[in-house]
Amino acid sequence: MSYTWFDLVGNIGVFLVVLAFYLLQTERITSRDIRYSLLNLTGAILLLISLLFNWNLSSVIIELFWIGISLIGIFKHLTRKSEGGKGTQNSPEAV
């Protein structure tokens, strides 16, 4: 078995998704923090790229959901910002 560029891309994606979860669990970021959604989105895209070369339907499906849910989080963050910042990451109700 050889280690290819798409294996590296997938491993970076795994690292980013796990990093996002770690930061959330250690309360360094909140789920409303755009960095959480961006880390998850980037990780899922990188994993999806690697899956194009090592096909696994179940993994592709979960990554597509991960991308969609991350985009919802980014959209919600951006709409909160445009509404005057109510519910931003520093507010008490953001947890």
C-alpha atoms as a PDB file:
ATOM      1  CA  MET A   1       0.000   0.000   0.000  1.00  0.00           C
ATOM      2  CA  SER A   2       1.333   3.400  -0.933  1.00  0.00           C
ATOM      3  CA  TYR A   3       0.562   6.717   0.700  1.00  0.00           C
ATOM      4  CA  THR A   4      -0.790   9.110  -1.913  1.00  0.00           C
ATOM      5  CA  TRP A   5      -1.551  12.812  -2.019  1.00  0.00           C
ATOM      6  CA  PHE A   6      -5.270  12.103  -1.595  1.00  0.00           C
ATOM      7  CA  ASP A   7      -4.511  10.036   1.520  1.00  0.00           C
ATOM      8  CA  LEU A   8      -2.719  13.088   2.915  1.00  0.00           C
ATOM      9  CA  VAL A   9      -5.645  15.341   1.974  1.00  0.00           C
ATOM     10  CA  GLY A  10      -8.067  12.968   3.729  1.00  0.00           C
ATOM     11  CA  ASN A  11      -5.886  12.791   6.831  1.00  0.00           C
ATOM     12  CA  ILE A  12      -5.735  16.573   7.022  1.00  0.00           C
ATOM     13  CA  GLY A  13      -9.535  16.570   6.765  1.00  0.00           C
ATOM     14  CA  VAL A  14      -9.795  14.096   9.636  1.00  0.00           C
ATOM     15  CA  PHE A  15      -7.455  16.250  11.715  1.00  0.00           C
ATOM     16  CA  LEU A  16      -9.570  19.371  11.114  1.00  0.00           C
ATOM     17  CA  VAL A  17     -12.856  17.673  12.029  1.00  0.00           C
ATOM     18  CA  VAL A  18     -11.352  16.179  15.186  1.00  0.00           C
ATOM     19  CA  LEU A  19      -9.722  19.531  16.033  1.00  0.00           C
ATOM     20  CA  ALA A  20     -13.094  21.283  15.753  1.00  0.00           C
ATOM     21  CA  PHE A  21     -14.666  18.738  18.107  1.00  0.00           C
ATOM     22  CA  TYR A  22     -11.742  18.984  20.541  1.00  0.00           C
ATOM     23  CA  LEU A  23     -11.941  22.796  20.619  1.00  0.00           C
ATOM     24  CA  LEU A  24     -15.689  22.592  21.203  1.00  0.00           C
ATOM     25  CA  GLN A  25     -15.373  20.055  24.028  1.00  0.00           C
ATOM     26  CA  THR A  26     -12.594  21.999  25.752  1.00  0.00           C
ATOM     27  CA  GLU A  27     -14.707  25.172  25.450  1.00  0.00           C
ATOM     28  CA  ARG A  28     -12.130  27.042  23.417  1.00  0.00           C
ATOM     29  CA  ILE A  29     -14.837  27.719  20.817  1.00  0.00           C
ATOM     30  CA  THR A  30     -18.633  27.429  20.824  1.00  0.00           C
ATOM     31  CA  SER A  31     -20.850  25.744  18.277  1.00  0.00           C
ATOM     32  CA  ARG A  32     -21.974  29.230  17.189  1.00  0.00           C
ATOM     33  CA  ASP A  33     -18.398  30.310  16.472  1.00  0.00           C
ATOM     34  CA  ILE A  34     -17.840  30.489  12.729  1.00  0.00           C
ATOM     35  CA  ARG A  35     -14.456  28.801  13.193  1.00  0.00           C
ATOM     36  CA  TYR A  36     -16.251  25.647  14.310  1.00  0.00           C
ATOM     37  CA  SER A  37     -18.310  25.501  11.129  1.00  0.00           C
ATOM     38  CA  LEU A  38     -15.348  26.451   8.931  1.00  0.00           C
ATOM     39  CA  LEU A  39     -13.138  23.732  10.422  1.00  0.00           C
ATOM     40  CA  ASN A  40     -15.896  21.170   9.917  1.00  0.00           C
ATOM     41  CA  LEU A  41     -16.621  22.362   6.377  1.00  0.00           C
ATOM     42  CA  THR A  42     -12.972  22.321   5.330  1.00  0.00           C
ATOM     43  CA  GLY A  43     -12.396  18.925   6.933  1.00  0.00           C
ATOM     44  CA  ALA A  44     -15.451  17.419   5.259  1.00  0.00           C
ATOM     45  CA  ILE A  45     -14.461  18.790   1.844  1.00  0.00           C
ATOM     46  CA  LEU A  46     -10.945  17.374   2.191  1.00  0.00           C
ATOM     47  CA  LEU A  47     -12.348  14.016   3.255  1.00  0.00           C
ATOM     48  CA  LEU A  48     -14.728  14.076   0.296  1.00  0.00           C
ATOM     49  CA  ILE A  49     -11.826  14.745  -2.071  1.00  0.00           C
ATOM     50  CA  SER A  50      -9.986  11.702  -0.731  1.00  0.00           C
ATOM     51  CA  LEU A  51     -13.166   9.633  -1.058  1.00  0.00           C
ATOM     52  CA  LEU A  52     -13.305  10.399  -4.775  1.00  0.00           C
ATOM     53  CA  PHE A  53     -10.190   8.216  -5.083  1.00  0.00           C
ATOM     54  CA  ASN A  54     -11.052   5.636  -2.404  1.00  0.00           C
ATOM     55  CA  TRP A  55     -14.807   5.355  -2.928  1.00  0.00           C
ATOM     56  CA  ASN A  56     -17.040   4.476   0.011  1.00  0.00           C
ATOM     57  CA  LEU A  57     -20.692   5.403  -0.459  1.00  0.00           C
ATOM     58  CA  SER A  58     -21.527   5.561   3.239  1.00  0.00           C
ATOM     59  CA  SER A  59     -18.603   7.893   3.932  1.00  0.00           C
ATOM     60  CA  VAL A  60     -19.512  10.103   0.968  1.00  0.00           C
ATOM     61  CA  ILE A  61     -23.073  10.410   2.262  1.00  0.00           C
ATOM     62  CA  ILE A  62     -21.980  11.434   5.765  1.00  0.00           C
ATOM     63  CA  GLU A  63     -19.477  13.961   4.380  1.00  0.00           C
ATOM     64  CA  LEU A  64     -22.188  15.523   2.187  1.00  0.00           C
ATOM     65  CA  PHE A  65     -24.380  15.891   5.280  1.00  0.00           C
ATOM     66  CA  TRP A  66     -21.398  17.293   7.221  1.00  0.00           C
ATOM     67  CA  ILE A  67     -20.840  19.879   4.469  1.00  0.00           C
ATOM     68  CA  GLY A  68     -24.528  20.809   4.375  1.00  0.00           C
ATOM     69  CA  ILE A  69     -24.802  21.208   8.139  1.00  0.00           C
ATOM     70  CA  SER A  70     -21.582  23.244   8.252  1.00  0.00           C
ATOM     71  CA  LEU A  71     -22.972  25.553   5.567  1.00  0.00           C
ATOM     72  CA  ILE A  72     -26.119  26.016   7.667  1.00  0.00           C
ATOM     73  CA  GLY A  73     -23.924  27.030  10.623  1.00  0.00           C
ATOM     74  CA  ILE A  74     -21.979  29.511   8.480  1.00  0.00           C
ATOM     75  CA  PHE A  75     -25.204  30.959   7.051  1.00  0.00           C
ATOM     76  CA  LYS A  76     -26.694  31.344  10.543  1.00  0.00           C
ATOM     77  CA  HIS A  77     -23.517  33.023  11.773  1.00  0.00           C
ATOM     78  CA  LEU A  78     -23.526  35.481   8.873  1.00  0.00           C
ATOM     79  CA  THR A  79     -27.217  36.301   9.273  1.00  0.00           C
ATOM     80  CA  ARG A  80     -26.739  36.881  13.022  1.00  0.00           C
ATOM     81  CA  LYS A  81     -23.926  39.321  12.177  1.00  0.00           C
ATOM     82  CA  SER A  82     -26.135  41.183   9.697  1.00  0.00           C
ATOM     83  CA  GLU A  83     -28.919  41.457  12.300  1.00  0.00           C
ATOM     84  CA  GLY A  84     -26.723  43.597  14.513  1.00  0.00           C
ATOM     85  CA  GLY A  85     -24.708  40.866  16.174  1.00  0.00           C
ATOM     86  CA  LYS A  86     -27.402  39.467  18.426  1.00  0.00           C
ATOM     87  CA  GLY A  87     -26.414  36.043  19.695  1.00  0.00           C
ATOM     88  CA  THR A  88     -22.737  36.321  18.793  1.00  0.00           C
ATOM     89  CA  GLN A  89     -20.177  33.939  20.214  1.00  0.00           C
ATOM     90  CA  ASN A  90     -19.387  36.171  23.192  1.00  0.00           C
ATOM     91  CA  SER A  91     -22.933  36.462  24.449  1.00  0.00           C
ATOM     92  CA  PRO A  92     -24.098  34.289  27.372  1.00  0.00           C
ATOM     93  CA  GLU A  93     -26.783  32.582  25.311  1.00  0.00           C
ATOM     94  CA  ALA A  94     -24.222  31.398  22.741  1.00  0.00           C
ATOM     95  CA  VAL A  95     -23.333  28.270  24.735  1.00  0.00           C
END
